[in-house]
Amino acid sequence: MKNKKSSRSHVMVRIQLKAQHKEQKNKRSSWMNLIDLAGSEAFDASSSYQRQQESKHINKSLLCLRNVIQAINGKKTYIPYRTSKLTKLLEPCLAGDAKMLMIVNIAPFQDCYK
C-alpha cells in the first residue's frame, strides 16, 4: 500500500484470523495488525511547504499514539482514541486485553541525523 500524496506515511495491514475446532465446534476469531509507523520528522526553514505539512501530520499522529498509550498505562478514565485516525483505527487493539509487540529499527548512519 502506498499513500497517493506522499511516500512518508504510516502503513497498516489488518488480518483477521479465524479458527474452528473440528469436533467441539468451538470458534475463535482474532485480528492481527501489522503497522509501519513513519518516523518522527524534523524540518527546517528550507524544507518545502508540503514536506513541512507531512512532517506535522506524522508527528501529530505519533504524539496522539503516545498519549493514548500513556493514558492506558496510567489507568485513566478517559482514553483519547479520537484524536487521530491512527489511534481511532487501533482502538479495538489497544483497549482490553490485547497483546502488543513493537519492533524498532534504528539506523546509525550519519545521514539519519540531519
PDB file of N, CA and C in Angstrom:
ATOM      1  N   MET A   1       0.838  -1.177   0.000  1.00  0.00           N
ATOM      2  CA  MET A   1       0.000   0.000   0.000  1.00  0.00           C
ATOM      3  C   MET A   1       0.881   1.237   0.000  1.00  0.00           C
ATOM      4  N   LYS A   2       0.494   2.206  -0.783  1.00  0.00           N
ATOM      5  CA  LYS A   2       1.246   3.444  -0.844  1.00  0.00           C
ATOM      6  C   LYS A   2       0.280   4.608  -0.777  1.00  0.00           C
ATOM      7  N   ASN A   3       0.642   5.602  -0.039  1.00  0.00           N
ATOM      8  CA  ASN A   3      -0.137   6.817   0.046  1.00  0.00           C
ATOM      9  C   ASN A   3       0.008   7.563  -1.280  1.00  0.00           C
ATOM     10  N   LYS A   4      -1.084   7.962  -1.902  1.00  0.00           N
ATOM     11  CA  LYS A   4      -1.031   8.644  -3.194  1.00  0.00           C
ATOM     12  C   LYS A   4      -0.403  10.022  -3.105  1.00  0.00           C
ATOM     13  N   LYS A   5      -0.483  10.655  -1.926  1.00  0.00           N
ATOM     14  CA  LYS A   5       0.023  12.011  -1.782  1.00  0.00           C
ATOM     15  C   LYS A   5       1.477  12.054  -1.343  1.00  0.00           C
ATOM     16  N   SER A   6       1.949  11.007  -0.660  1.00  0.00           N
ATOM     17  CA  SER A   6       3.297  11.052  -0.103  1.00  0.00           C
ATOM     18  C   SER A   6       3.811   9.645   0.137  1.00  0.00           C
ATOM     19  N   SER A   7       5.121   9.490   0.054  1.00  0.00           N
ATOM     20  CA  SER A   7       5.720   8.195   0.377  1.00  0.00           C
ATOM     21  C   SER A   7       6.028   8.107   1.863  1.00  0.00           C
ATOM     22  N   ARG A   8       5.881   9.219   2.577  1.00  0.00           N
ATOM     23  CA  ARG A   8       6.190   9.273   4.002  1.00  0.00           C
ATOM     24  C   ARG A   8       4.890   9.228   4.789  1.00  0.00           C
ATOM     25  N   SER A   9       4.470   8.041   5.183  1.00  0.00           N
ATOM     26  CA  SER A   9       3.227   7.901   5.934  1.00  0.00           C
ATOM     27  C   SER A   9       3.247   6.597   6.713  1.00  0.00           C
ATOM     28  N   HIS A  10       2.226   6.407   7.548  1.00  0.00           N
ATOM     29  CA  HIS A  10       2.073   5.160   8.274  1.00  0.00           C
ATOM     30  C   HIS A  10       1.396   4.149   7.347  1.00  0.00           C
ATOM     31  N   VAL A  11       1.686   2.871   7.549  1.00  0.00           N
ATOM     32  CA  VAL A  11       1.038   1.806   6.780  1.00  0.00           C
ATOM     33  C   VAL A  11       0.462   0.811   7.780  1.00  0.00           C
ATOM     34  N   MET A  12      -0.769   0.392   7.540  1.00  0.00           N
ATOM     35  CA  MET A  12      -1.421  -0.566   8.433  1.00  0.00           C
ATOM     36  C   MET A  12      -2.071  -1.657   7.597  1.00  0.00           C
ATOM     37  N   VAL A  13      -1.752  -2.907   7.940  1.00  0.00           N
ATOM     38  CA  VAL A  13      -2.380  -4.069   7.304  1.00  0.00           C
ATOM     39  C   VAL A  13      -3.077  -4.839   8.410  1.00  0.00           C
ATOM     40  N   ARG A  14      -4.370  -5.060   8.261  1.00  0.00           N
ATOM     41  CA  ARG A  14      -5.163  -5.767   9.278  1.00  0.00           C
ATOM     42  C   ARG A  14      -5.554  -7.138   8.735  1.00  0.00           C
ATOM     43  N   ILE A  15      -5.218  -8.172   9.498  1.00  0.00           N
ATOM     44  CA  ILE A  15      -5.512  -9.554   9.104  1.00  0.00           C
ATOM     45  C   ILE A  15      -6.448 -10.162  10.140  1.00  0.00           C
ATOM     46  N   GLN A  16      -7.555 -10.726   9.683  1.00  0.00           N
ATOM     47  CA  GLN A  16      -8.462 -11.415  10.599  1.00  0.00           C
ATOM     48  C   GLN A  16      -8.135 -12.901  10.587  1.00  0.00           C
ATOM     49  N   LEU A  17      -7.970 -13.462  11.777  1.00  0.00           N
ATOM     50  CA  LEU A  17      -7.664 -14.875  11.936  1.00  0.00           C
ATOM     51  C   LEU A  17      -8.881 -15.578  12.520  1.00  0.00           C
ATOM     52  N   LYS A  18      -9.299 -16.691  11.903  1.00  0.00           N
ATOM     53  CA  LYS A  18     -10.440 -17.455  12.394  1.00  0.00           C
ATOM     54  C   LYS A  18     -10.042 -18.916  12.509  1.00  0.00           C
ATOM     55  N   ALA A  19     -10.545 -19.558  13.551  1.00  0.00           N
ATOM     56  CA  ALA A  19     -10.267 -20.977  13.762  1.00  0.00           C
ATOM     57  C   ALA A  19     -11.516 -21.644  14.319  1.00  0.00           C
ATOM     58  N   GLN A  20     -11.681 -22.932  13.968  1.00  0.00           N
ATOM     59  CA  GLN A  20     -12.810 -23.697  14.494  1.00  0.00           C
ATOM     60  C   GLN A  20     -12.328 -25.104  14.810  1.00  0.00           C
ATOM     61  N   HIS A  21     -12.647 -25.567  16.022  1.00  0.00           N
ATOM     62  CA  HIS A  21     -12.303 -26.925  16.431  1.00  0.00           C
ATOM     63  C   HIS A  21     -13.240 -27.889  15.701  1.00  0.00           C
ATOM     64  N   LYS A  22     -12.685 -28.907  15.053  1.00  0.00           N
ATOM     65  CA  LYS A  22     -13.490 -29.818  14.226  1.00  0.00           C
ATOM     66  C   LYS A  22     -14.532 -30.573  15.024  1.00  0.00           C
ATOM     67  N   GLU A  23     -14.140 -31.090  16.191  1.00  0.00           N
ATOM     68  CA  GLU A  23     -15.061 -31.937  16.957  1.00  0.00           C
ATOM     69  C   GLU A  23     -15.970 -31.128  17.879  1.00  0.00           C
ATOM     70  N   GLN A  24     -15.411 -30.168  18.583  1.00  0.00           N
ATOM     71  CA  GLN A  24     -16.185 -29.415  19.569  1.00  0.00           C
ATOM     72  C   GLN A  24     -16.921 -28.217  18.965  1.00  0.00           C
ATOM     73  N   LYS A  25     -16.621 -27.874  17.748  1.00  0.00           N
ATOM     74  CA  LYS A  25     -17.248 -26.755  17.026  1.00  0.00           C
ATOM     75  C   LYS A  25     -17.008 -25.396  17.688  1.00  0.00           C
ATOM     76  N   ASN A  26     -15.997 -25.309  18.556  1.00  0.00           N
ATOM     77  CA  ASN A  26     -15.639 -24.020  19.151  1.00  0.00           C
ATOM     78  C   ASN A  26     -15.033 -23.121  18.078  1.00  0.00           C
ATOM     79  N   LYS A  27     -15.444 -21.864  18.083  1.00  0.00           N
ATOM     80  CA  LYS A  27     -14.912 -20.905  17.113  1.00  0.00           C
ATOM     81  C   LYS A  27     -14.131 -19.820  17.842  1.00  0.00           C
ATOM     82  N   ARG A  28     -13.039 -19.426  17.237  1.00  0.00           N
ATOM     83  CA  ARG A  28     -12.216 -18.332  17.749  1.00  0.00           C
ATOM     84  C   ARG A  28     -11.947 -17.369  16.605  1.00  0.00           C
ATOM     85  N   SER A  29     -11.908 -16.105  16.950  1.00  0.00           N
ATOM     86  CA  SER A  29     -11.617 -15.082  15.952  1.00  0.00           C
ATOM     87  C   SER A  29     -10.714 -14.034  16.589  1.00  0.00           C
ATOM     88  N   SER A  30      -9.775 -13.519  15.813  1.00  0.00           N
ATOM     89  CA  SER A  30      -8.859 -12.511  16.310  1.00  0.00           C
ATOM     90  C   SER A  30      -8.369 -11.660  15.149  1.00  0.00           C
ATOM     91  N   TRP A  31      -7.758 -10.536  15.497  1.00  0.00           N
ATOM     92  CA  TRP A  31      -7.186  -9.636  14.500  1.00  0.00           C
ATOM     93  C   TRP A  31      -5.697  -9.494  14.756  1.00  0.00           C
ATOM     94  N   MET A  32      -4.952  -9.382  13.679  1.00  0.00           N
ATOM     95  CA  MET A  32      -3.530  -9.081  13.779  1.00  0.00           C
ATOM     96  C   MET A  32      -3.274  -7.858  12.902  1.00  0.00           C
ATOM     97  N   ASN A  33      -2.683  -6.846  13.499  1.00  0.00           N
ATOM     98  CA  ASN A  33      -2.368  -5.619  12.773  1.00  0.00           C
ATOM     99  C   ASN A  33      -0.868  -5.510  12.601  1.00  0.00           C
ATOM    100  N   LEU A  34      -0.438  -5.321  11.381  1.00  0.00           N
ATOM    101  CA  LEU A  34       0.963  -5.067  11.075  1.00  0.00           C
ATOM    102  C   LEU A  34       1.055  -3.587  10.707  1.00  0.00           C
ATOM    103  N   ILE A  35       1.824  -2.837  11.490  1.00  0.00           N
ATOM    104  CA  ILE A  35       1.847  -1.391  11.324  1.00  0.00           C
ATOM    105  C   ILE A  35       3.279  -0.913  11.160  1.00  0.00           C
ATOM    106  N   ASP A  36       3.491  -0.137  10.127  1.00  0.00           N
ATOM    107  CA  ASP A  36       4.782   0.505   9.907  1.00  0.00           C
ATOM    108  C   ASP A  36       4.563   1.992  10.164  1.00  0.00           C
ATOM    109  N   LEU A  37       5.073   2.473  11.293  1.00  0.00           N
ATOM    110  CA  LEU A  37       4.907   3.880  11.630  1.00  0.00           C
ATOM    111  C   LEU A  37       6.024   4.696  11.000  1.00  0.00           C
ATOM    112  N   ALA A  38       5.644   5.781  10.362  1.00  0.00           N
ATOM    113  CA  ALA A  38       6.651   6.702   9.844  1.00  0.00           C
ATOM    114  C   ALA A  38       7.369   7.312  11.033  1.00  0.00           C
ATOM    115  N   GLY A  39       8.637   7.585  10.885  1.00  0.00           N
ATOM    116  CA  GLY A  39       9.413   8.138  11.987  1.00  0.00           C
ATOM    117  C   GLY A  39       9.091   9.584  12.261  1.00  0.00           C
ATOM    118  N   SER A  40       9.417  10.021  13.445  1.00  0.00           N
ATOM    119  CA  SER A  40       9.253  11.416  13.814  1.00  0.00           C
ATOM    120  C   SER A  40      10.111  12.265  12.885  1.00  0.00           C
ATOM    121  N   GLU A  41       9.543  13.342  12.412  1.00  0.00           N
ATOM    122  CA  GLU A  41      10.214  14.143  11.395  1.00  0.00           C
ATOM    123  C   GLU A  41      10.593  15.525  11.914  1.00  0.00           C
ATOM    124  N   ALA A  42      11.764  15.945  11.558  1.00  0.00           N
ATOM    125  CA  ALA A  42      12.208  17.315  11.838  1.00  0.00           C
ATOM    126  C   ALA A  42      12.332  18.032  10.499  1.00  0.00           C
ATOM    127  N   PHE A  43      12.054  19.310  10.499  1.00  0.00           N
ATOM    128  CA  PHE A  43      12.202  20.072   9.259  1.00  0.00           C
ATOM    129  C   PHE A  43      12.778  21.437   9.598  1.00  0.00           C
ATOM    130  N   ASP A  44      13.365  22.058   8.597  1.00  0.00           N
ATOM    131  CA  ASP A  44      13.933  23.394   8.795  1.00  0.00           C
ATOM    132  C   ASP A  44      13.278  24.371   7.827  1.00  0.00           C
ATOM    133  N   ALA A  45      13.713  25.597   7.868  1.00  0.00           N
ATOM    134  CA  ALA A  45      13.110  26.645   7.043  1.00  0.00           C
ATOM    135  C   ALA A  45      13.265  26.391   5.546  1.00  0.00           C
ATOM    136  N   SER A  46      14.276  25.612   5.153  1.00  0.00           N
ATOM    137  CA  SER A  46      14.485  25.359   3.727  1.00  0.00           C
ATOM    138  C   SER A  46      13.593  24.220   3.202  1.00  0.00           C
ATOM    139  N   SER A  47      12.895  23.524   4.091  1.00  0.00           N
ATOM    140  CA  SER A  47      12.004  22.435   3.663  1.00  0.00           C
ATOM    141  C   SER A  47      10.813  23.009   2.899  1.00  0.00           C
ATOM    142  N   SER A  48      10.325  22.241   1.951  1.00  0.00           N
ATOM    143  CA  SER A  48       9.154  22.687   1.190  1.00  0.00           C
ATOM    144  C   SER A  48       7.921  22.710   2.094  1.00  0.00           C
ATOM    145  N   TYR A  49       6.929  23.486   1.693  1.00  0.00           N
ATOM    146  CA  TYR A  49       5.694  23.593   2.464  1.00  0.00           C
ATOM    147  C   TYR A  49       5.030  22.218   2.604  1.00  0.00           C
ATOM    148  N   GLN A  50       5.001  21.455   1.500  1.00  0.00           N
ATOM    149  CA  GLN A  50       4.372  20.137   1.534  1.00  0.00           C
ATOM    150  C   GLN A  50       5.095  19.220   2.524  1.00  0.00           C
ATOM    151  N   ARG A  51       6.412  19.246   2.517  1.00  0.00           N
ATOM    152  CA  ARG A  51       7.185  18.409   3.444  1.00  0.00           C
ATOM    153  C   ARG A  51       6.932  18.833   4.893  1.00  0.00           C
ATOM    154  N   GLN A  52       6.818  20.129   5.140  1.00  0.00           N
ATOM    155  CA  GLN A  52       6.522  20.606   6.488  1.00  0.00           C
ATOM    156  C   GLN A  52       5.154  20.114   6.960  1.00  0.00           C
ATOM    157  N   GLN A  53       4.168  20.161   6.061  1.00  0.00           N
ATOM    158  CA  GLN A  53       2.831  19.700   6.423  1.00  0.00           C
ATOM    159  C   GLN A  53       2.819  18.189   6.695  1.00  0.00           C
ATOM    160  N   GLU A  54       3.512  17.414   5.856  1.00  0.00           N
ATOM    161  CA  GLU A  54       3.613  15.971   6.076  1.00  0.00           C
ATOM    162  C   GLU A  54       4.246  15.684   7.423  1.00  0.00           C
ATOM    163  N   SER A  55       5.314  16.402   7.731  1.00  0.00           N
ATOM    164  CA  SER A  55       6.014  16.211   8.995  1.00  0.00           C
ATOM    165  C   SER A  55       5.111  16.520  10.178  1.00  0.00           C
ATOM    166  N   LYS A  56       4.334  17.585  10.077  1.00  0.00           N
ATOM    167  CA  LYS A  56       3.405  17.948  11.151  1.00  0.00           C
ATOM    168  C   LYS A  56       2.384  16.841  11.390  1.00  0.00           C
ATOM    169  N   HIS A  57       1.837  16.272  10.315  1.00  0.00           N
ATOM    170  CA  HIS A  57       0.828  15.220  10.457  1.00  0.00           C
ATOM    171  C   HIS A  57       1.424  13.936  11.043  1.00  0.00           C
ATOM    172  N   ILE A  58       2.621  13.582  10.593  1.00  0.00           N
ATOM    173  CA  ILE A  58       3.291  12.395  11.130  1.00  0.00           C
ATOM    174  C   ILE A  58       3.568  12.580  12.615  1.00  0.00           C
ATOM    175  N   ASN A  59       4.130  13.717  12.986  1.00  0.00           N
ATOM    176  CA  ASN A  59       4.448  13.980  14.383  1.00  0.00           C
ATOM    177  C   ASN A  59       3.188  14.028  15.247  1.00  0.00           C
ATOM    178  N   LYS A  60       2.103  14.596  14.722  1.00  0.00           N
ATOM    179  CA  LYS A  60       0.851  14.680  15.481  1.00  0.00           C
ATOM    180  C   LYS A  60       0.302  13.290  15.758  1.00  0.00           C
ATOM    181  N   SER A  61       0.285  12.419  14.763  1.00  0.00           N
ATOM    182  CA  SER A  61      -0.277  11.090  14.975  1.00  0.00           C
ATOM    183  C   SER A  61       0.587  10.265  15.936  1.00  0.00           C
ATOM    184  N   LEU A  62       1.912  10.439  15.880  1.00  0.00           N
ATOM    185  CA  LEU A  62       2.792   9.743  16.832  1.00  0.00           C
ATOM    186  C   LEU A  62       2.579  10.274  18.249  1.00  0.00           C
ATOM    187  N   LEU A  63       2.380  11.576  18.386  1.00  0.00           N
ATOM    188  CA  LEU A  63       2.099  12.167  19.690  1.00  0.00           C
ATOM    189  C   LEU A  63       0.759  11.651  20.235  1.00  0.00           C
ATOM    190  N   CYS A  64      -0.247  11.559  19.377  1.00  0.00           N
ATOM    191  CA  CYS A  64      -1.553  11.039  19.803  1.00  0.00           C
ATOM    192  C   CYS A  64      -1.444   9.587  20.256  1.00  0.00           C
ATOM    193  N   LEU A  65      -0.672   8.787  19.531  1.00  0.00           N
ATOM    194  CA  LEU A  65      -0.468   7.393  19.919  1.00  0.00           C
ATOM    195  C   LEU A  65       0.225   7.321  21.279  1.00  0.00           C
ATOM    196  N   ARG A  66       1.229   8.148  21.478  1.00  0.00           N
ATOM    197  CA  ARG A  66       1.917   8.187  22.779  1.00  0.00           C
ATOM    198  C   ARG A  66       0.949   8.565  23.903  1.00  0.00           C
ATOM    199  N   ASN A  67       0.090   9.556  23.652  1.00  0.00           N
ATOM    200  CA  ASN A  67      -0.873   9.990  24.665  1.00  0.00           C
ATOM    201  C   ASN A  67      -1.855   8.880  25.018  1.00  0.00           C
ATOM    202  N   VAL A  68      -2.297   8.119  24.022  1.00  0.00           N
ATOM    203  CA  VAL A  68      -3.209   7.005  24.263  1.00  0.00           C
ATOM    204  C   VAL A  68      -2.521   5.932  25.110  1.00  0.00           C
ATOM    205  N   ILE A  69      -1.303   5.566  24.740  1.00  0.00           N
ATOM    206  CA  ILE A  69      -0.573   4.533  25.486  1.00  0.00           C
ATOM    207  C   ILE A  69      -0.309   4.990  26.915  1.00  0.00           C
ATOM    208  N   GLN A  70       0.048   6.262  27.107  1.00  0.00           N
ATOM    209  CA  GLN A  70       0.260   6.776  28.462  1.00  0.00           C
ATOM    210  C   GLN A  70      -1.027   6.764  29.275  1.00  0.00           C
ATOM    211  N   ALA A  71      -2.150   7.105  28.658  1.00  0.00           N
ATOM    212  CA  ALA A  71      -3.436   7.094  29.364  1.00  0.00           C
ATOM    213  C   ALA A  71      -3.824   5.670  29.767  1.00  0.00           C
ATOM    214  N   ILE A  72      -3.567   4.707  28.884  1.00  0.00           N
ATOM    215  CA  ILE A  72      -3.874   3.308  29.196  1.00  0.00           C
ATOM    216  C   ILE A  72      -2.993   2.829  30.350  1.00  0.00           C
ATOM    217  N   ASN A  73      -1.692   3.096  30.260  1.00  0.00           N
ATOM    218  CA  ASN A  73      -0.759   2.673  31.315  1.00  0.00           C
ATOM    219  C   ASN A  73      -1.057   3.357  32.643  1.00  0.00           C
ATOM    220  N   GLY A  74      -1.543   4.588  32.605  1.00  0.00           N
ATOM    221  CA  GLY A  74      -1.875   5.328  33.815  1.00  0.00           C
ATOM    222  C   GLY A  74      -3.263   5.026  34.341  1.00  0.00           C
ATOM    223  N   LYS A  75      -3.963   4.078  33.691  1.00  0.00           N
ATOM    224  CA  LYS A  75      -5.316   3.676  34.122  1.00  0.00           C
ATOM    225  C   LYS A  75      -6.275   4.871  34.174  1.00  0.00           C
ATOM    226  N   LYS A  76      -6.148   5.784  33.213  1.00  0.00           N
ATOM    227  CA  LYS A  76      -7.005   6.960  33.155  1.00  0.00           C
ATOM    228  C   LYS A  76      -8.432   6.555  32.776  1.00  0.00           C
ATOM    229  N   THR A  77      -9.406   7.343  33.202  1.00  0.00           N
ATOM    230  CA  THR A  77     -10.799   7.049  32.858  1.00  0.00           C
ATOM    231  C   THR A  77     -11.111   7.468  31.424  1.00  0.00           C
ATOM    232  N   TYR A  78     -10.406   8.489  30.918  1.00  0.00           N
ATOM    233  CA  TYR A  78     -10.614   8.930  29.540  1.00  0.00           C
ATOM    234  C   TYR A  78      -9.376   8.591  28.715  1.00  0.00           C
ATOM    235  N   ILE A  79      -9.592   7.849  27.632  1.00  0.00           N
ATOM    236  CA  ILE A  79      -8.518   7.500  26.703  1.00  0.00           C
ATOM    237  C   ILE A  79      -8.799   8.252  25.395  1.00  0.00           C
ATOM    238  N   PRO A  80      -7.878   9.109  24.931  1.00  0.00           N
ATOM    239  CA  PRO A  80      -8.139   9.963  23.760  1.00  0.00           C
ATOM    240  C   PRO A  80      -7.961   9.260  22.408  1.00  0.00           C
ATOM    241  N   TYR A  81      -8.759   8.216  22.149  1.00  0.00           N
ATOM    242  CA  TYR A  81      -8.650   7.475  20.887  1.00  0.00           C
ATOM    243  C   TYR A  81      -9.012   8.315  19.674  1.00  0.00           C
ATOM    244  N   ARG A  82      -9.913   9.267  19.817  1.00  0.00           N
ATOM    245  CA  ARG A  82     -10.436  10.013  18.665  1.00  0.00           C
ATOM    246  C   ARG A  82      -9.557  11.169  18.212  1.00  0.00           C
ATOM    247  N   THR A  83      -8.378  11.300  18.777  1.00  0.00           N
ATOM    248  CA  THR A  83      -7.529  12.446  18.433  1.00  0.00           C
ATOM    249  C   THR A  83      -6.798  12.280  17.104  1.00  0.00           C
ATOM    250  N   SER A  84      -6.734  11.061  16.571  1.00  0.00           N
ATOM    251  CA  SER A  84      -6.118  10.856  15.253  1.00  0.00           C
ATOM    252  C   SER A  84      -6.726   9.625  14.587  1.00  0.00           C
ATOM    253  N   LYS A  85      -6.592   9.558  13.283  1.00  0.00           N
ATOM    254  CA  LYS A  85      -7.094   8.393  12.550  1.00  0.00           C
ATOM    255  C   LYS A  85      -6.379   7.123  12.991  1.00  0.00           C
ATOM    256  N   LEU A  86      -5.080   7.231  13.241  1.00  0.00           N
ATOM    257  CA  LEU A  86      -4.288   6.076  13.651  1.00  0.00           C
ATOM    258  C   LEU A  86      -4.813   5.501  14.967  1.00  0.00           C
ATOM    259  N   THR A  87      -4.997   6.338  15.977  1.00  0.00           N
ATOM    260  CA  THR A  87      -5.454   5.833  17.274  1.00  0.00           C
ATOM    261  C   THR A  87      -6.904   5.350  17.207  1.00  0.00           C
ATOM    262  N   LYS A  88      -7.709   5.980  16.376  1.00  0.00           N
ATOM    263  CA  LYS A  88      -9.096   5.514  16.216  1.00  0.00           C
ATOM    264  C   LYS A  88      -9.120   4.122  15.589  1.00  0.00           C
ATOM    265  N   LEU A  89      -8.288   3.881  14.577  1.00  0.00           N
ATOM    266  CA  LEU A  89      -8.206   2.557  13.955  1.00  0.00           C
ATOM    267  C   LEU A  89      -7.674   1.502  14.928  1.00  0.00           C
ATOM    268  N   LEU A  90      -6.777   1.918  15.801  1.00  0.00           N
ATOM    269  CA  LEU A  90      -6.153   0.980  16.736  1.00  0.00           C
ATOM    270  C   LEU A  90      -6.936   0.800  18.039  1.00  0.00           C
ATOM    271  N   GLU A  91      -8.006   1.528  18.217  1.00  0.00           N
ATOM    272  CA  GLU A  91      -8.771   1.456  19.473  1.00  0.00           C
ATOM    273  C   GLU A  91      -9.124   0.036  19.898  1.00  0.00           C
ATOM    274  N   PRO A  92      -9.669  -0.813  19.013  1.00  0.00           N
ATOM    275  CA  PRO A  92     -10.009  -2.175  19.453  1.00  0.00           C
ATOM    276  C   PRO A  92      -8.782  -2.991  19.870  1.00  0.00           C
ATOM    277  N   CYS A  93      -7.636  -2.646  19.330  1.00  0.00           N
ATOM    278  CA  CYS A  93      -6.406  -3.391  19.632  1.00  0.00           C
ATOM    279  C   CYS A  93      -5.729  -2.907  20.905  1.00  0.00           C
ATOM    280  N   LEU A  94      -5.880  -1.651  21.211  1.00  0.00           N
ATOM    281  CA  LEU A  94      -5.226  -1.083  22.380  1.00  0.00           C
ATOM    282  C   LEU A  94      -6.068  -1.251  23.644  1.00  0.00           C
ATOM    283  N   ALA A  95      -7.379  -1.328  23.478  1.00  0.00           N
ATOM    284  CA  ALA A  95      -8.274  -1.475  24.626  1.00  0.00           C
ATOM    285  C   ALA A  95      -8.365  -2.944  25.040  1.00  0.00           C
ATOM    286  N   GLY A  96      -8.762  -3.158  26.263  1.00  0.00           N
ATOM    287  CA  GLY A  96      -8.973  -4.532  26.726  1.00  0.00           C
ATOM    288  C   GLY A  96      -7.684  -5.266  27.010  1.00  0.00           C
ATOM    289  N   ASP A  97      -7.666  -6.552  26.662  1.00  0.00           N
ATOM    290  CA  ASP A  97      -6.512  -7.397  26.994  1.00  0.00           C
ATOM    291  C   ASP A  97      -5.679  -7.750  25.764  1.00  0.00           C
ATOM    292  N   ALA A  98      -5.591  -6.828  24.839  1.00  0.00           N
ATOM    293  CA  ALA A  98      -4.815  -7.062  23.619  1.00  0.00           C
ATOM    294  C   ALA A  98      -3.328  -7.163  23.943  1.00  0.00           C
ATOM    295  N   LYS A  99      -2.613  -7.892  23.130  1.00  0.00           N
ATOM    296  CA  LYS A  99      -1.160  -8.029  23.264  1.00  0.00           C
ATOM    297  C   LYS A  99      -0.500  -7.197  22.164  1.00  0.00           C
ATOM    298  N   MET A 100       0.629  -6.592  22.494  1.00  0.00           N
ATOM    299  CA  MET A 100       1.304  -5.741  21.534  1.00  0.00           C
ATOM    300  C   MET A 100       2.805  -6.032  21.552  1.00  0.00           C
ATOM    301  N   LEU A 101       3.391  -6.026  20.384  1.00  0.00           N
ATOM    302  CA  LEU A 101       4.832  -6.198  20.243  1.00  0.00           C
ATOM    303  C   LEU A 101       5.331  -5.072  19.345  1.00  0.00           C
ATOM    304  N   MET A 102       6.377  -4.393  19.787  1.00  0.00           N
ATOM    305  CA  MET A 102       6.938  -3.308  18.983  1.00  0.00           C
ATOM    306  C   MET A 102       8.368  -3.663  18.604  1.00  0.00           C
ATOM    307  N   ILE A 103       8.647  -3.534  17.329  1.00  0.00           N
ATOM    308  CA  ILE A 103       9.996  -3.757  16.811  1.00  0.00           C
ATOM    309  C   ILE A 103      10.494  -2.423  16.283  1.00  0.00           C
ATOM    310  N   VAL A 104      11.659  -2.014  16.718  1.00  0.00           N
ATOM    311  CA  VAL A 104      12.203  -0.718  16.328  1.00  0.00           C
ATOM    312  C   VAL A 104      13.462  -0.931  15.505  1.00  0.00           C
ATOM    313  N   ASN A 105      13.551  -0.237  14.386  1.00  0.00           N
ATOM    314  CA  ASN A 105      14.737  -0.272  13.547  1.00  0.00           C
ATOM    315  C   ASN A 105      15.373   1.111  13.598  1.00  0.00           C
ATOM    316  N   ILE A 106      16.567   1.179  14.145  1.00  0.00           N
ATOM    317  CA  ILE A 106      17.269   2.460  14.247  1.00  0.00           C
ATOM    318  C   ILE A 106      18.518   2.385  13.381  1.00  0.00           C
ATOM    319  N   ALA A 107      18.610   3.290  12.430  1.00  0.00           N
ATOM    320  CA  ALA A 107      19.759   3.305  11.525  1.00  0.00           C
ATOM    321  C   ALA A 107      20.842   4.212  12.101  1.00  0.00           C
ATOM    322  N   PRO A 108      22.047   3.711  12.287  1.00  0.00           N
ATOM    323  CA  PRO A 108      23.114   4.510  12.884  1.00  0.00           C
ATOM    324  C   PRO A 108      23.910   5.359  11.889  1.00  0.00           C
ATOM    325  N   PHE A 109      23.393   5.551  10.701  1.00  0.00           N
ATOM    326  CA  PHE A 109      24.126   6.288   9.689  1.00  0.00           C
ATOM    327  C   PHE A 109      24.099   7.788   9.961  1.00  0.00           C
ATOM    328  N   GLN A 110      25.151   8.462   9.609  1.00  0.00           N
ATOM    329  CA  GLN A 110      25.265   9.903   9.833  1.00  0.00           C
ATOM    330  C   GLN A 110      24.155  10.667   9.100  1.00  0.00           C
ATOM    331  N   ASP A 111      23.740  10.199   7.929  1.00  0.00           N
ATOM    332  CA  ASP A 111      22.691  10.870   7.155  1.00  0.00           C
ATOM    333  C   ASP A 111      21.378  10.940   7.920  1.00  0.00           C
ATOM    334  N   CYS A 112      21.153  10.023   8.849  1.00  0.00           N
ATOM    335  CA  CYS A 112      19.902   9.981   9.610  1.00  0.00           C
ATOM    336  C   CYS A 112      19.799  11.092  10.636  1.00  0.00           C
ATOM    337  N   TYR A 113      20.888  11.755  10.938  1.00  0.00           N
ATOM    338  CA  TYR A 113      20.901  12.770  11.984  1.00  0.00           C
ATOM    339  C   TYR A 113      20.820  14.188  11.452  1.00  0.00           C
ATOM    340  N   LYS A 114      20.536  14.343  10.170  1.00  0.00           N
ATOM    341  CA  LYS A 114      20.446  15.675   9.569  1.00  0.00           C
ATOM    342  C   LYS A 114      19.086  16.253   9.789  1.00  0.00           C
TER     343      LYS A 114
END
